[in-house]
Amino acid sequence: MHIGKHHDGKFKSPVLFWLIPEGTLPQHELAPEPEDADDPCHRNLLGIPDETAEDLIKEDFKINQFANFLICEDAGASRPVDPKVIENWRSAHGL
């Protein structure tokens, strides 16, 4: 699994992630996490306060719903998210 390979034990599977639409973010830097990782996907968002980043995600969701979110499944493949996927994800995570 992709997430497990690069971030063993840090996240519960399956993992949801946000595809950041080009031009959505103000001045920022994307840094690998951890710094020496060869993970081509995950980056830490630097230079933007957490509250601002959270507001951007919420605003994108309000406009696009699940269109910019994917779920990374055990085989490392990602697929689009819809309300049923979210329901199953919440159940898998005991939420």
N, C-alpha and C. Protein backbone atom coordinates (compact mmCIF):
# COMPACT_ATOMS: atom_id res chain seq x y z
N MET A 1 0.84 -1.18 0.00
CA MET A 1 0.00 0.00 0.00
C MET A 1 0.89 1.24 0.00
N HIS A 2 0.58 2.20 -0.83
CA HIS A 2 1.38 3.41 -1.00
C HIS A 2 1.54 4.18 0.31
N ILE A 3 0.44 4.49 0.98
CA ILE A 3 0.50 5.26 2.23
C ILE A 3 1.31 4.49 3.27
N GLY A 4 1.07 3.19 3.39
CA GLY A 4 1.80 2.39 4.36
C GLY A 4 3.29 2.34 4.08
N LYS A 5 3.66 2.29 2.82
CA LYS A 5 5.08 2.24 2.44
C LYS A 5 5.79 3.51 2.89
N HIS A 6 5.18 4.64 2.68
CA HIS A 6 5.83 5.91 2.94
C HIS A 6 5.56 6.49 4.32
N HIS A 7 4.47 6.08 4.95
CA HIS A 7 4.06 6.69 6.22
C HIS A 7 3.54 5.63 7.17
N ASP A 8 4.32 4.56 7.33
CA ASP A 8 3.91 3.39 8.11
C ASP A 8 3.37 3.78 9.50
N GLY A 9 2.14 3.37 9.75
CA GLY A 9 1.52 3.56 11.05
C GLY A 9 1.00 4.95 11.34
N LYS A 10 1.27 5.91 10.47
CA LYS A 10 0.86 7.29 10.75
C LYS A 10 -0.62 7.51 10.44
N PHE A 11 -1.15 6.79 9.45
CA PHE A 11 -2.53 6.97 9.03
C PHE A 11 -3.27 5.64 9.06
N LYS A 12 -4.56 5.70 9.38
CA LYS A 12 -5.41 4.51 9.29
C LYS A 12 -5.86 4.36 7.84
N SER A 13 -5.88 3.13 7.38
CA SER A 13 -6.33 2.85 6.03
C SER A 13 -7.83 2.58 6.06
N PRO A 14 -8.53 3.00 5.05
CA PRO A 14 -8.09 3.77 3.88
C PRO A 14 -7.96 5.26 4.21
N VAL A 15 -7.14 5.95 3.42
CA VAL A 15 -6.84 7.36 3.65
C VAL A 15 -7.53 8.21 2.59
N LEU A 16 -8.15 9.30 3.04
CA LEU A 16 -8.72 10.29 2.13
C LEU A 16 -7.70 11.40 1.92
N PHE A 17 -7.64 11.93 0.71
CA PHE A 17 -6.76 13.06 0.48
C PHE A 17 -7.38 14.05 -0.50
N TRP A 18 -6.90 15.27 -0.42
CA TRP A 18 -7.40 16.39 -1.22
C TRP A 18 -6.43 16.67 -2.34
N LEU A 19 -6.92 16.67 -3.56
CA LEU A 19 -6.13 17.10 -4.71
C LEU A 19 -6.24 18.61 -4.77
N ILE A 20 -5.16 19.30 -4.51
CA ILE A 20 -5.19 20.75 -4.44
C ILE A 20 -5.29 21.32 -5.85
N PRO A 21 -6.41 21.97 -6.16
CA PRO A 21 -6.56 22.55 -7.50
C PRO A 21 -5.55 23.67 -7.75
N GLU A 22 -4.94 23.64 -8.93
CA GLU A 22 -3.98 24.66 -9.33
C GLU A 22 -4.56 26.05 -9.10
N GLY A 23 -3.80 26.93 -8.51
CA GLY A 23 -4.23 28.30 -8.30
C GLY A 23 -5.10 28.54 -7.07
N THR A 24 -5.40 27.48 -6.32
CA THR A 24 -6.25 27.61 -5.14
C THR A 24 -5.51 28.26 -3.98
N LEU A 25 -4.23 27.98 -3.87
CA LEU A 25 -3.47 28.39 -2.70
C LEU A 25 -2.75 29.71 -2.88
N PRO A 26 -2.68 30.51 -1.81
CA PRO A 26 -1.84 31.71 -1.87
C PRO A 26 -0.37 31.29 -1.85
N GLN A 27 0.54 32.23 -1.77
CA GLN A 27 1.98 31.94 -1.74
C GLN A 27 2.26 30.81 -0.75
N HIS A 28 2.96 29.76 -1.20
CA HIS A 28 3.19 28.60 -0.36
C HIS A 28 4.39 27.80 -0.85
N GLU A 29 4.72 26.78 -0.09
CA GLU A 29 5.76 25.83 -0.47
C GLU A 29 5.24 24.44 -0.14
N LEU A 30 5.51 23.48 -1.02
CA LEU A 30 5.16 22.09 -0.77
C LEU A 30 6.45 21.34 -0.49
N ALA A 31 6.56 20.76 0.71
CA ALA A 31 7.78 20.07 1.12
C ALA A 31 7.50 18.60 1.35
N PRO A 32 8.42 17.71 0.92
CA PRO A 32 8.23 16.28 1.17
C PRO A 32 8.13 15.99 2.66
N GLU A 33 7.36 14.95 2.99
CA GLU A 33 7.21 14.52 4.39
C GLU A 33 7.37 13.02 4.46
N PRO A 34 8.37 12.49 5.15
CA PRO A 34 9.47 13.23 5.75
C PRO A 34 10.39 13.82 4.68
N GLU A 35 11.32 14.66 5.09
CA GLU A 35 12.15 15.40 4.15
C GLU A 35 12.84 14.52 3.12
N ASP A 36 13.29 13.34 3.51
CA ASP A 36 14.03 12.47 2.60
C ASP A 36 13.15 11.44 1.90
N ALA A 37 11.84 11.59 1.98
CA ALA A 37 10.92 10.61 1.40
C ALA A 37 10.97 10.65 -0.12
N ASP A 38 10.78 9.47 -0.70
CA ASP A 38 10.67 9.39 -2.16
C ASP A 38 9.20 9.29 -2.57
N ASP A 39 8.33 9.73 -1.69
CA ASP A 39 6.89 9.71 -1.93
C ASP A 39 6.55 10.82 -2.92
N PRO A 40 6.06 10.47 -4.10
CA PRO A 40 5.74 11.50 -5.10
C PRO A 40 4.42 12.23 -4.84
N CYS A 41 3.66 11.78 -3.85
CA CYS A 41 2.32 12.34 -3.63
C CYS A 41 2.23 13.28 -2.44
N HIS A 42 2.59 12.78 -1.27
CA HIS A 42 2.36 13.54 -0.05
C HIS A 42 3.36 14.66 0.13
N ARG A 43 2.84 15.84 0.44
CA ARG A 43 3.67 17.01 0.72
C ARG A 43 3.06 17.76 1.89
N ASN A 44 3.91 18.37 2.68
CA ASN A 44 3.43 19.28 3.71
C ASN A 44 3.26 20.65 3.09
N LEU A 45 2.21 21.31 3.45
CA LEU A 45 1.90 22.64 2.96
C LEU A 45 2.51 23.65 3.92
N LEU A 46 3.50 24.39 3.44
CA LEU A 46 4.21 25.36 4.28
C LEU A 46 3.91 26.78 3.83
N GLY A 47 3.97 27.71 4.78
CA GLY A 47 3.78 29.12 4.45
C GLY A 47 2.34 29.59 4.48
N ILE A 48 1.43 28.70 4.86
CA ILE A 48 0.01 29.04 4.99
C ILE A 48 -0.43 28.59 6.37
N PRO A 49 -1.02 29.46 7.17
CA PRO A 49 -1.49 29.04 8.49
C PRO A 49 -2.50 27.89 8.36
N ASP A 50 -2.47 26.96 9.33
CA ASP A 50 -3.38 25.81 9.31
C ASP A 50 -4.83 26.25 9.15
N GLU A 51 -5.21 27.31 9.83
CA GLU A 51 -6.60 27.80 9.75
C GLU A 51 -6.95 28.22 8.32
N THR A 52 -6.03 28.88 7.64
CA THR A 52 -6.25 29.29 6.25
C THR A 52 -6.38 28.07 5.35
N ALA A 53 -5.48 27.10 5.52
CA ALA A 53 -5.55 25.87 4.72
C ALA A 53 -6.87 25.16 4.94
N GLU A 54 -7.31 25.08 6.20
CA GLU A 54 -8.58 24.43 6.51
C GLU A 54 -9.74 25.17 5.84
N ASP A 55 -9.71 26.50 5.88
CA ASP A 55 -10.75 27.30 5.23
C ASP A 55 -10.77 27.04 3.72
N LEU A 56 -9.58 26.92 3.11
CA LEU A 56 -9.50 26.65 1.67
C LEU A 56 -10.11 25.30 1.32
N ILE A 57 -9.82 24.29 2.14
CA ILE A 57 -10.38 22.96 1.90
C ILE A 57 -11.90 23.01 2.03
N LYS A 58 -12.41 23.68 3.08
CA LYS A 58 -13.86 23.78 3.28
C LYS A 58 -14.53 24.53 2.13
N GLU A 59 -13.90 25.61 1.66
CA GLU A 59 -14.46 26.38 0.55
C GLU A 59 -14.49 25.54 -0.73
N ASP A 60 -13.39 24.81 -0.98
CA ASP A 60 -13.35 23.95 -2.16
C ASP A 60 -14.43 22.88 -2.07
N PHE A 61 -14.63 22.31 -0.88
CA PHE A 61 -15.66 21.30 -0.70
C PHE A 61 -17.05 21.88 -0.94
N LYS A 62 -17.27 23.11 -0.42
CA LYS A 62 -18.58 23.75 -0.59
C LYS A 62 -18.92 23.90 -2.08
N ILE A 63 -17.92 24.25 -2.87
CA ILE A 63 -18.12 24.48 -4.31
C ILE A 63 -18.14 23.17 -5.10
N ASN A 64 -17.19 22.28 -4.80
CA ASN A 64 -16.97 21.09 -5.63
C ASN A 64 -17.42 19.78 -5.00
N GLN A 65 -17.92 19.83 -3.77
CA GLN A 65 -18.28 18.63 -3.01
C GLN A 65 -17.09 17.67 -3.00
N PHE A 66 -17.26 16.46 -3.47
CA PHE A 66 -16.20 15.45 -3.38
C PHE A 66 -15.30 15.40 -4.62
N ALA A 67 -15.49 16.29 -5.57
CA ALA A 67 -14.76 16.21 -6.84
C ALA A 67 -13.25 16.25 -6.69
N ASN A 68 -12.72 16.93 -5.70
CA ASN A 68 -11.27 17.06 -5.53
C ASN A 68 -10.71 16.17 -4.42
N PHE A 69 -11.49 15.18 -3.99
CA PHE A 69 -11.04 14.25 -2.96
C PHE A 69 -10.95 12.85 -3.54
N LEU A 70 -9.94 12.12 -3.11
CA LEU A 70 -9.76 10.73 -3.51
C LEU A 70 -9.53 9.90 -2.26
N ILE A 71 -9.72 8.60 -2.40
CA ILE A 71 -9.42 7.67 -1.31
C ILE A 71 -8.33 6.74 -1.81
N CYS A 72 -7.31 6.54 -0.97
CA CYS A 72 -6.19 5.66 -1.29
C CYS A 72 -6.47 4.32 -0.63
N GLU A 73 -6.66 3.31 -1.45
CA GLU A 73 -7.03 2.01 -0.91
C GLU A 73 -5.81 1.11 -0.72
N ASP A 74 -6.05 -0.05 -0.15
CA ASP A 74 -4.96 -0.95 0.25
C ASP A 74 -3.96 -1.27 -0.85
N ALA A 75 -4.42 -1.41 -2.06
CA ALA A 75 -3.51 -1.77 -3.15
C ALA A 75 -2.71 -0.57 -3.64
N GLY A 76 -2.96 0.61 -3.07
CA GLY A 76 -2.24 1.80 -3.49
C GLY A 76 -2.95 2.57 -4.58
N ALA A 77 -4.04 2.02 -5.08
CA ALA A 77 -4.81 2.71 -6.11
C ALA A 77 -5.73 3.73 -5.45
N SER A 78 -5.93 4.85 -6.11
CA SER A 78 -6.88 5.83 -5.58
C SER A 78 -8.10 5.85 -6.47
N ARG A 79 -9.21 6.25 -5.85
CA ARG A 79 -10.45 6.36 -6.63
C ARG A 79 -11.25 7.54 -6.10
N PRO A 80 -12.19 8.03 -6.92
CA PRO A 80 -13.00 9.17 -6.51
C PRO A 80 -13.83 8.87 -5.26
N VAL A 81 -14.18 9.93 -4.57
CA VAL A 81 -14.96 9.84 -3.33
C VAL A 81 -16.38 10.32 -3.60
N ASP A 82 -17.34 9.63 -2.98
CA ASP A 82 -18.74 10.05 -3.03
C ASP A 82 -19.32 9.82 -1.63
N PRO A 83 -20.56 10.21 -1.40
CA PRO A 83 -21.12 10.05 -0.04
C PRO A 83 -21.05 8.62 0.50
N LYS A 84 -21.23 7.61 -0.33
CA LYS A 84 -21.17 6.21 0.13
C LYS A 84 -19.75 5.86 0.57
N VAL A 85 -18.75 6.32 -0.17
CA VAL A 85 -17.35 6.09 0.21
C VAL A 85 -17.08 6.72 1.56
N ILE A 86 -17.58 7.94 1.77
CA ILE A 86 -17.39 8.64 3.05
C ILE A 86 -18.06 7.86 4.18
N GLU A 87 -19.26 7.37 3.93
CA GLU A 87 -19.97 6.59 4.95
C GLU A 87 -19.15 5.35 5.34
N ASN A 88 -18.62 4.65 4.35
CA ASN A 88 -17.80 3.45 4.61
C ASN A 88 -16.50 3.83 5.32
N TRP A 89 -15.90 4.95 4.92
CA TRP A 89 -14.65 5.42 5.55
C TRP A 89 -14.89 5.73 7.02
N ARG A 90 -15.97 6.45 7.30
CA ARG A 90 -16.28 6.80 8.69
C ARG A 90 -16.49 5.53 9.52
N SER A 91 -17.18 4.57 8.95
CA SER A 91 -17.43 3.31 9.66
C SER A 91 -16.11 2.57 9.92
N ALA A 92 -15.23 2.53 8.93
CA ALA A 92 -13.94 1.85 9.07
C ALA A 92 -13.07 2.50 10.14
N HIS A 93 -13.26 3.81 10.35
CA HIS A 93 -12.47 4.54 11.33
C HIS A 93 -13.21 4.74 12.66
N GLY A 94 -14.36 4.11 12.79
CA GLY A 94 -15.12 4.20 14.04
C GLY A 94 -15.65 5.59 14.33
N LEU A 95 -15.98 6.32 13.28
CA LEU A 95 -16.49 7.70 13.45
C LEU A 95 -18.00 7.77 13.28
